[in-house]
Every structure is written in C-alpha cells, then in structure tokens.
Amino acid sequence: MQFFTNGWVYALTDSEIRMYMILKHLAARFPDSHALHGVYLSERDREWLYGISRDVYEAHLMLAKFGLIQLVPNPLRHRDGKVVEFDNFLKKGGVIPPHRFFVMGDSPSLNLRSGRCEGRCSTTLLVGIK
C-alpha cells in the first residue's frame, strides 16, 4: 500500500489515519457509489460501525488539504461544511445530507527530507521527520 511507502503513516495524526482508512473501506465496499457520487458516513454508522467521535470525523478537513480525499461540493453547505441558513433550513423540515467524499488514493507522496507533499497536495507539512 502506497500509504506506507509514500510516508503518510508518519505525517498524519492517529485521527487522520483512522478516518482515511474508513473512507478507503467505504470506497472499496461501495465502488459504484464512490465512482458516481462519492461515499458518505452517516452519524449512526460513524458511531456504531466504526466507533469514531465527531472529532475524528472532522479529520477529513486535513485529509482534503493533503489531497488524499476530495470533499464533494454541496450547495446546501458553505465551504467550511456548515449548513447555509441552518435555522431556516430546520424550520422548513429539511434533512441535512452527510458530507460525501472521493478517495483520491495514496498517490501524493511525502518527501521525508523537506516535509513537503509532492503530487496533488495543496499544503506544506510541518513535521520534524529526519
């Protein structure tokens, strides 16, 4: 698995690794859905099947910055993930859909000497790996 050989296991936090592995599992379990619309993790599945907290789930934000996943845009949400006009949305009886993700793979590699991503990464890693 390129996740290990590209150095991601050394650069990501435990929460980020756990969330990435869950999304990889969902993409493998539902390949057609992943290819067309992305995969999602409902609150119930997050808690009951995977046993992760909301904080671990929020690790998707950093995974997207690193280029390992892509958050599918949703017109009901702002870029930060918050629901547009949340109070009005709930008053109208709206159901908030979960985030959807595309798993981009392990292709971006981490240069362990410079601490930078190479490939489709969009941020510099600030890690002290020697």
N, C-alpha and C. Protein backbone atom coordinates (compact mmCIF):
# COMPACT_ATOMS: atom_id res chain seq x y z
N MET A 1 0.84 -1.18 0.00
CA MET A 1 0.00 0.00 0.00
C MET A 1 0.89 1.24 0.00
N GLN A 2 0.63 2.12 -0.95
CA GLN A 2 1.45 3.32 -1.09
C GLN A 2 1.31 4.26 0.10
N PHE A 3 0.26 4.11 0.86
CA PHE A 3 0.06 4.93 2.05
C PHE A 3 1.28 4.86 2.96
N PHE A 4 1.86 3.68 3.08
CA PHE A 4 3.03 3.48 3.94
C PHE A 4 4.31 3.87 3.22
N THR A 5 4.46 3.46 1.97
CA THR A 5 5.70 3.72 1.25
C THR A 5 5.86 5.20 0.87
N ASN A 6 4.76 5.93 0.77
CA ASN A 6 4.83 7.37 0.47
C ASN A 6 4.99 8.22 1.72
N GLY A 7 5.02 7.60 2.89
CA GLY A 7 5.31 8.33 4.12
C GLY A 7 4.13 8.92 4.86
N TRP A 8 2.91 8.66 4.38
CA TRP A 8 1.74 9.24 5.04
C TRP A 8 1.56 8.75 6.47
N VAL A 9 1.92 7.53 6.72
CA VAL A 9 1.76 6.98 8.06
C VAL A 9 2.58 7.76 9.10
N TYR A 10 3.63 8.41 8.66
CA TYR A 10 4.48 9.20 9.56
C TYR A 10 4.01 10.64 9.70
N ALA A 11 3.23 11.12 8.74
CA ALA A 11 2.85 12.53 8.71
C ALA A 11 1.47 12.81 9.30
N LEU A 12 0.58 11.84 9.24
CA LEU A 12 -0.79 12.06 9.69
C LEU A 12 -0.97 11.72 11.16
N THR A 13 -1.95 12.34 11.77
CA THR A 13 -2.28 12.02 13.15
C THR A 13 -3.05 10.70 13.18
N ASP A 14 -3.21 10.15 14.37
CA ASP A 14 -3.99 8.92 14.52
C ASP A 14 -5.41 9.10 13.99
N SER A 15 -6.01 10.23 14.28
CA SER A 15 -7.38 10.50 13.82
C SER A 15 -7.45 10.57 12.30
N GLU A 16 -6.48 11.22 11.69
CA GLU A 16 -6.46 11.33 10.23
C GLU A 16 -6.26 9.96 9.59
N ILE A 17 -5.38 9.15 10.14
CA ILE A 17 -5.17 7.80 9.61
C ILE A 17 -6.45 6.98 9.73
N ARG A 18 -7.08 7.06 10.87
CA ARG A 18 -8.31 6.29 11.09
C ARG A 18 -9.41 6.71 10.11
N MET A 19 -9.59 8.01 9.95
CA MET A 19 -10.62 8.50 9.04
C MET A 19 -10.29 8.12 7.60
N TYR A 20 -9.04 8.20 7.22
CA TYR A 20 -8.65 7.83 5.86
C TYR A 20 -8.92 6.36 5.59
N MET A 21 -8.59 5.51 6.54
CA MET A 21 -8.82 4.07 6.37
C MET A 21 -10.32 3.76 6.28
N ILE A 22 -11.12 4.48 7.04
CA ILE A 22 -12.57 4.28 6.97
C ILE A 22 -13.09 4.67 5.59
N LEU A 23 -12.63 5.80 5.07
CA LEU A 23 -13.08 6.23 3.75
C LEU A 23 -12.59 5.28 2.66
N LYS A 24 -11.37 4.75 2.81
CA LYS A 24 -10.88 3.75 1.86
C LYS A 24 -11.76 2.50 1.91
N HIS A 25 -12.15 2.08 3.11
CA HIS A 25 -13.01 0.92 3.28
C HIS A 25 -14.37 1.15 2.60
N LEU A 26 -14.95 2.33 2.82
CA LEU A 26 -16.24 2.64 2.21
C LEU A 26 -16.14 2.68 0.68
N ALA A 27 -15.05 3.23 0.16
CA ALA A 27 -14.87 3.29 -1.29
C ALA A 27 -14.73 1.89 -1.88
N ALA A 28 -14.06 0.99 -1.17
CA ALA A 28 -13.91 -0.38 -1.65
C ALA A 28 -15.22 -1.15 -1.50
N ARG A 29 -15.97 -0.86 -0.47
CA ARG A 29 -17.23 -1.56 -0.21
C ARG A 29 -18.33 -1.12 -1.17
N PHE A 30 -18.30 0.15 -1.58
CA PHE A 30 -19.32 0.70 -2.47
C PHE A 30 -18.66 1.37 -3.68
N PRO A 31 -18.00 0.58 -4.54
CA PRO A 31 -17.22 1.19 -5.63
C PRO A 31 -18.06 1.96 -6.64
N ASP A 32 -19.27 1.51 -6.93
CA ASP A 32 -20.10 2.22 -7.90
C ASP A 32 -20.54 3.57 -7.35
N SER A 33 -20.99 3.59 -6.12
CA SER A 33 -21.39 4.84 -5.48
C SER A 33 -20.21 5.80 -5.38
N HIS A 34 -19.04 5.24 -5.02
CA HIS A 34 -17.84 6.07 -4.91
C HIS A 34 -17.51 6.72 -6.24
N ALA A 35 -17.59 5.95 -7.30
CA ALA A 35 -17.24 6.48 -8.62
C ALA A 35 -18.22 7.55 -9.09
N LEU A 36 -19.49 7.39 -8.78
CA LEU A 36 -20.51 8.33 -9.28
C LEU A 36 -20.73 9.54 -8.38
N HIS A 37 -20.87 9.31 -7.08
CA HIS A 37 -21.28 10.39 -6.19
C HIS A 37 -20.37 10.58 -4.99
N GLY A 38 -19.44 9.69 -4.76
CA GLY A 38 -18.63 9.73 -3.56
C GLY A 38 -19.28 8.90 -2.46
N VAL A 39 -18.54 8.62 -1.42
CA VAL A 39 -19.06 7.85 -0.29
C VAL A 39 -19.35 8.79 0.86
N TYR A 40 -20.20 8.33 1.77
CA TYR A 40 -20.53 9.13 2.94
C TYR A 40 -20.55 8.25 4.17
N LEU A 41 -20.50 8.89 5.31
CA LEU A 41 -20.52 8.19 6.58
C LEU A 41 -21.58 8.85 7.45
N SER A 42 -22.69 8.14 7.63
CA SER A 42 -23.78 8.70 8.45
C SER A 42 -23.34 8.74 9.91
N GLU A 43 -24.04 9.55 10.68
CA GLU A 43 -23.72 9.67 12.10
C GLU A 43 -23.86 8.32 12.80
N ARG A 44 -24.91 7.59 12.46
CA ARG A 44 -25.13 6.28 13.08
C ARG A 44 -24.00 5.30 12.75
N ASP A 45 -23.62 5.23 11.48
CA ASP A 45 -22.52 4.34 11.09
C ASP A 45 -21.21 4.79 11.72
N ARG A 46 -21.02 6.09 11.77
CA ARG A 46 -19.78 6.62 12.38
C ARG A 46 -19.65 6.14 13.81
N GLU A 47 -20.74 6.21 14.55
CA GLU A 47 -20.70 5.82 15.96
C GLU A 47 -20.78 4.30 16.17
N TRP A 48 -21.69 3.64 15.48
CA TRP A 48 -21.97 2.23 15.75
C TRP A 48 -21.04 1.27 15.01
N LEU A 49 -20.78 1.54 13.74
CA LEU A 49 -19.94 0.61 12.97
C LEU A 49 -18.45 0.86 13.17
N TYR A 50 -18.07 2.13 13.19
CA TYR A 50 -16.65 2.47 13.23
C TYR A 50 -16.19 2.97 14.59
N GLY A 51 -17.11 3.34 15.45
CA GLY A 51 -16.76 3.76 16.80
C GLY A 51 -15.89 4.99 16.87
N ILE A 52 -16.14 5.95 15.96
CA ILE A 52 -15.33 7.17 15.99
C ILE A 52 -16.17 8.37 16.44
N SER A 53 -15.52 9.29 17.06
CA SER A 53 -16.17 10.51 17.55
C SER A 53 -16.29 11.52 16.41
N ARG A 54 -17.01 12.56 16.69
CA ARG A 54 -17.14 13.64 15.71
C ARG A 54 -15.78 14.30 15.45
N ASP A 55 -14.94 14.38 16.48
CA ASP A 55 -13.61 14.97 16.31
C ASP A 55 -12.77 14.17 15.31
N VAL A 56 -12.84 12.85 15.41
CA VAL A 56 -12.10 12.02 14.45
C VAL A 56 -12.67 12.22 13.05
N TYR A 57 -13.99 12.29 12.96
CA TYR A 57 -14.64 12.52 11.66
C TYR A 57 -14.15 13.82 11.03
N GLU A 58 -13.96 14.85 11.83
CA GLU A 58 -13.51 16.15 11.33
C GLU A 58 -12.10 16.10 10.73
N ALA A 59 -11.40 15.01 10.92
CA ALA A 59 -10.07 14.85 10.31
C ALA A 59 -10.15 14.89 8.78
N HIS A 60 -11.35 14.75 8.24
CA HIS A 60 -11.50 14.82 6.78
C HIS A 60 -11.04 16.17 6.25
N LEU A 61 -11.09 17.21 7.06
CA LEU A 61 -10.66 18.54 6.61
C LEU A 61 -9.18 18.55 6.24
N MET A 62 -8.34 17.96 7.08
CA MET A 62 -6.90 17.90 6.79
C MET A 62 -6.61 16.92 5.66
N LEU A 63 -7.32 15.81 5.61
CA LEU A 63 -7.11 14.85 4.53
C LEU A 63 -7.37 15.49 3.17
N ALA A 64 -8.37 16.36 3.12
CA ALA A 64 -8.66 17.07 1.87
C ALA A 64 -7.55 18.06 1.54
N LYS A 65 -7.02 18.75 2.54
CA LYS A 65 -5.92 19.69 2.30
C LYS A 65 -4.68 18.97 1.78
N PHE A 66 -4.46 17.75 2.25
CA PHE A 66 -3.31 16.98 1.79
C PHE A 66 -3.51 16.34 0.42
N GLY A 67 -4.74 16.38 -0.09
CA GLY A 67 -5.01 15.81 -1.41
C GLY A 67 -5.31 14.32 -1.39
N LEU A 68 -5.50 13.75 -0.22
CA LEU A 68 -5.81 12.31 -0.13
C LEU A 68 -7.28 12.02 -0.39
N ILE A 69 -8.14 12.99 -0.10
CA ILE A 69 -9.57 12.86 -0.39
C ILE A 69 -10.05 14.17 -0.98
N GLN A 70 -11.24 14.13 -1.56
CA GLN A 70 -11.87 15.34 -2.06
C GLN A 70 -13.29 15.39 -1.50
N LEU A 71 -13.65 16.50 -0.90
CA LEU A 71 -14.99 16.72 -0.39
C LEU A 71 -15.87 17.11 -1.56
N VAL A 72 -16.97 16.39 -1.76
CA VAL A 72 -17.89 16.68 -2.86
C VAL A 72 -18.66 17.96 -2.51
N PRO A 73 -18.63 18.95 -3.39
CA PRO A 73 -19.35 20.20 -3.11
C PRO A 73 -20.85 19.95 -2.93
N ASN A 74 -21.45 20.67 -1.99
CA ASN A 74 -22.87 20.54 -1.70
C ASN A 74 -23.45 21.94 -1.63
N PRO A 75 -24.43 22.27 -2.48
CA PRO A 75 -24.98 23.63 -2.49
C PRO A 75 -25.70 24.00 -1.18
N LEU A 76 -26.02 23.02 -0.36
CA LEU A 76 -26.68 23.30 0.92
C LEU A 76 -25.70 23.70 2.01
N ARG A 77 -24.40 23.62 1.69
CA ARG A 77 -23.38 23.88 2.71
C ARG A 77 -22.39 24.96 2.25
N HIS A 78 -21.87 25.70 3.24
CA HIS A 78 -20.76 26.62 2.98
C HIS A 78 -19.50 25.79 2.76
N ARG A 79 -18.42 26.44 2.35
CA ARG A 79 -17.15 25.73 2.12
C ARG A 79 -16.61 25.07 3.39
N ASP A 80 -16.93 25.65 4.55
CA ASP A 80 -16.45 25.07 5.81
C ASP A 80 -17.31 23.91 6.28
N GLY A 81 -18.38 23.59 5.53
CA GLY A 81 -19.23 22.45 5.85
C GLY A 81 -20.49 22.80 6.60
N LYS A 82 -20.59 24.03 7.09
CA LYS A 82 -21.79 24.42 7.82
C LYS A 82 -22.95 24.61 6.86
N VAL A 83 -24.16 24.30 7.33
CA VAL A 83 -25.35 24.39 6.50
C VAL A 83 -25.73 25.85 6.29
N VAL A 84 -26.04 26.20 5.04
CA VAL A 84 -26.46 27.54 4.68
C VAL A 84 -27.81 27.82 5.34
N GLU A 85 -27.91 28.94 6.05
CA GLU A 85 -29.15 29.34 6.74
C GLU A 85 -29.73 28.17 7.54
N PHE A 86 -28.93 27.66 8.45
CA PHE A 86 -29.26 26.46 9.22
C PHE A 86 -30.62 26.55 9.92
N ASP A 87 -30.89 27.66 10.60
CA ASP A 87 -32.15 27.81 11.34
C ASP A 87 -33.36 27.72 10.40
N ASN A 88 -33.30 28.43 9.29
CA ASN A 88 -34.40 28.39 8.32
C ASN A 88 -34.54 27.00 7.70
N PHE A 89 -33.41 26.37 7.46
CA PHE A 89 -33.41 25.03 6.88
C PHE A 89 -34.15 24.05 7.81
N LEU A 90 -33.88 24.11 9.09
CA LEU A 90 -34.55 23.23 10.05
C LEU A 90 -36.02 23.56 10.21
N LYS A 91 -36.36 24.85 10.20
CA LYS A 91 -37.77 25.26 10.33
C LYS A 91 -38.60 24.71 9.18
N LYS A 92 -37.98 24.60 8.01
CA LYS A 92 -38.68 24.07 6.83
C LYS A 92 -38.73 22.54 6.85
N GLY A 93 -38.11 21.93 7.86
CA GLY A 93 -38.12 20.47 7.95
C GLY A 93 -37.10 19.80 7.05
N GLY A 94 -36.07 20.53 6.66
CA GLY A 94 -35.05 19.98 5.78
C GLY A 94 -34.21 18.91 6.45
N VAL A 95 -33.80 17.94 5.67
CA VAL A 95 -32.91 16.88 6.15
C VAL A 95 -31.50 17.22 5.67
N ILE A 96 -30.57 17.27 6.59
CA ILE A 96 -29.20 17.64 6.25
C ILE A 96 -28.46 16.40 5.75
N PRO A 97 -28.06 16.40 4.49
CA PRO A 97 -27.33 15.25 3.98
C PRO A 97 -25.90 15.23 4.51
N PRO A 98 -25.33 14.05 4.72
CA PRO A 98 -23.94 13.99 5.19
C PRO A 98 -22.97 14.40 4.09
N HIS A 99 -21.77 14.74 4.49
CA HIS A 99 -20.72 15.03 3.52
C HIS A 99 -20.48 13.80 2.66
N ARG A 100 -20.09 14.02 1.41
CA ARG A 100 -19.67 12.94 0.52
C ARG A 100 -18.22 13.18 0.15
N PHE A 101 -17.50 12.07 -0.03
CA PHE A 101 -16.06 12.14 -0.29
C PHE A 101 -15.66 11.25 -1.45
N PHE A 102 -14.70 11.73 -2.22
CA PHE A 102 -13.98 10.88 -3.16
C PHE A 102 -12.62 10.60 -2.55
N VAL A 103 -12.22 9.35 -2.54
CA VAL A 103 -10.89 8.99 -2.05
C VAL A 103 -9.97 9.06 -3.24
N MET A 104 -8.97 9.91 -3.15
CA MET A 104 -8.09 10.17 -4.28
C MET A 104 -6.98 9.14 -4.40
N GLY A 105 -6.80 8.33 -3.40
CA GLY A 105 -5.73 7.34 -3.44
C GLY A 105 -4.53 7.81 -2.65
N ASP A 106 -3.50 7.00 -2.69
CA ASP A 106 -2.29 7.28 -1.91
C ASP A 106 -1.22 7.94 -2.76
N SER A 107 -1.59 8.46 -3.94
CA SER A 107 -0.59 8.90 -4.90
C SER A 107 0.27 10.09 -4.47
N PRO A 108 -0.26 11.09 -3.78
CA PRO A 108 0.67 12.15 -3.37
C PRO A 108 1.70 11.57 -2.41
N SER A 109 2.95 11.87 -2.66
CA SER A 109 3.97 11.31 -1.78
C SER A 109 4.58 12.40 -0.92
N LEU A 110 4.99 12.01 0.23
CA LEU A 110 5.59 12.91 1.19
C LEU A 110 7.10 12.81 1.08
N ASN A 111 7.76 13.95 0.83
CA ASN A 111 9.21 13.98 0.80
C ASN A 111 9.68 14.10 2.25
N LEU A 112 10.24 13.03 2.77
CA LEU A 112 10.59 12.99 4.19
C LEU A 112 11.72 13.95 4.55
N ARG A 113 12.52 14.36 3.57
CA ARG A 113 13.61 15.31 3.86
C ARG A 113 13.09 16.74 3.97
N SER A 114 12.23 17.13 3.04
CA SER A 114 11.75 18.51 3.05
C SER A 114 10.47 18.69 3.85
N GLY A 115 9.75 17.58 4.11
CA GLY A 115 8.47 17.68 4.80
C GLY A 115 7.38 18.24 3.91
N ARG A 116 7.58 18.14 2.59
CA ARG A 116 6.60 18.67 1.63
C ARG A 116 5.92 17.53 0.87
N CYS A 117 4.69 17.82 0.45
CA CYS A 117 3.96 16.87 -0.38
C CYS A 117 4.39 17.07 -1.83
N GLU A 118 4.43 15.99 -2.56
CA GLU A 118 4.73 16.05 -3.99
C GLU A 118 3.57 15.39 -4.71
N GLY A 119 3.08 16.02 -5.73
CA GLY A 119 1.91 15.50 -6.43
C GLY A 119 0.77 16.48 -6.28
N ARG A 120 -0.40 16.00 -5.87
CA ARG A 120 -1.57 16.85 -5.79
C ARG A 120 -1.81 17.44 -4.41
N CYS A 121 -0.84 17.48 -3.57
CA CYS A 121 -1.03 18.07 -2.24
C CYS A 121 -1.17 19.57 -2.38
N SER A 122 -1.95 20.15 -1.49
CA SER A 122 -2.18 21.59 -1.56
C SER A 122 -1.63 22.34 -0.36
N THR A 123 -0.83 21.67 0.45
CA THR A 123 -0.31 22.34 1.64
C THR A 123 1.07 21.79 1.96
N THR A 124 1.81 22.52 2.73
CA THR A 124 3.12 22.06 3.19
C THR A 124 2.98 21.41 4.55
N LEU A 125 3.60 20.28 4.71
CA LEU A 125 3.56 19.60 6.00
C LEU A 125 4.64 20.17 6.90
N LEU A 126 4.29 20.43 8.10
CA LEU A 126 5.24 20.96 9.07
C LEU A 126 5.55 19.86 10.08
N VAL A 127 6.33 18.90 9.64
CA VAL A 127 6.68 17.79 10.52
C VAL A 127 8.18 17.74 10.66
N GLY A 128 8.63 17.29 11.77
CA GLY A 128 10.07 17.21 12.03
C GLY A 128 10.60 15.80 11.88
N ILE A 129 10.47 15.25 10.69
CA ILE A 129 10.94 13.89 10.43
C ILE A 129 12.35 13.96 9.89
N LYS A 130 13.23 13.20 10.47
CA LYS A 130 14.62 13.19 9.96
C LYS A 130 15.03 11.78 9.67
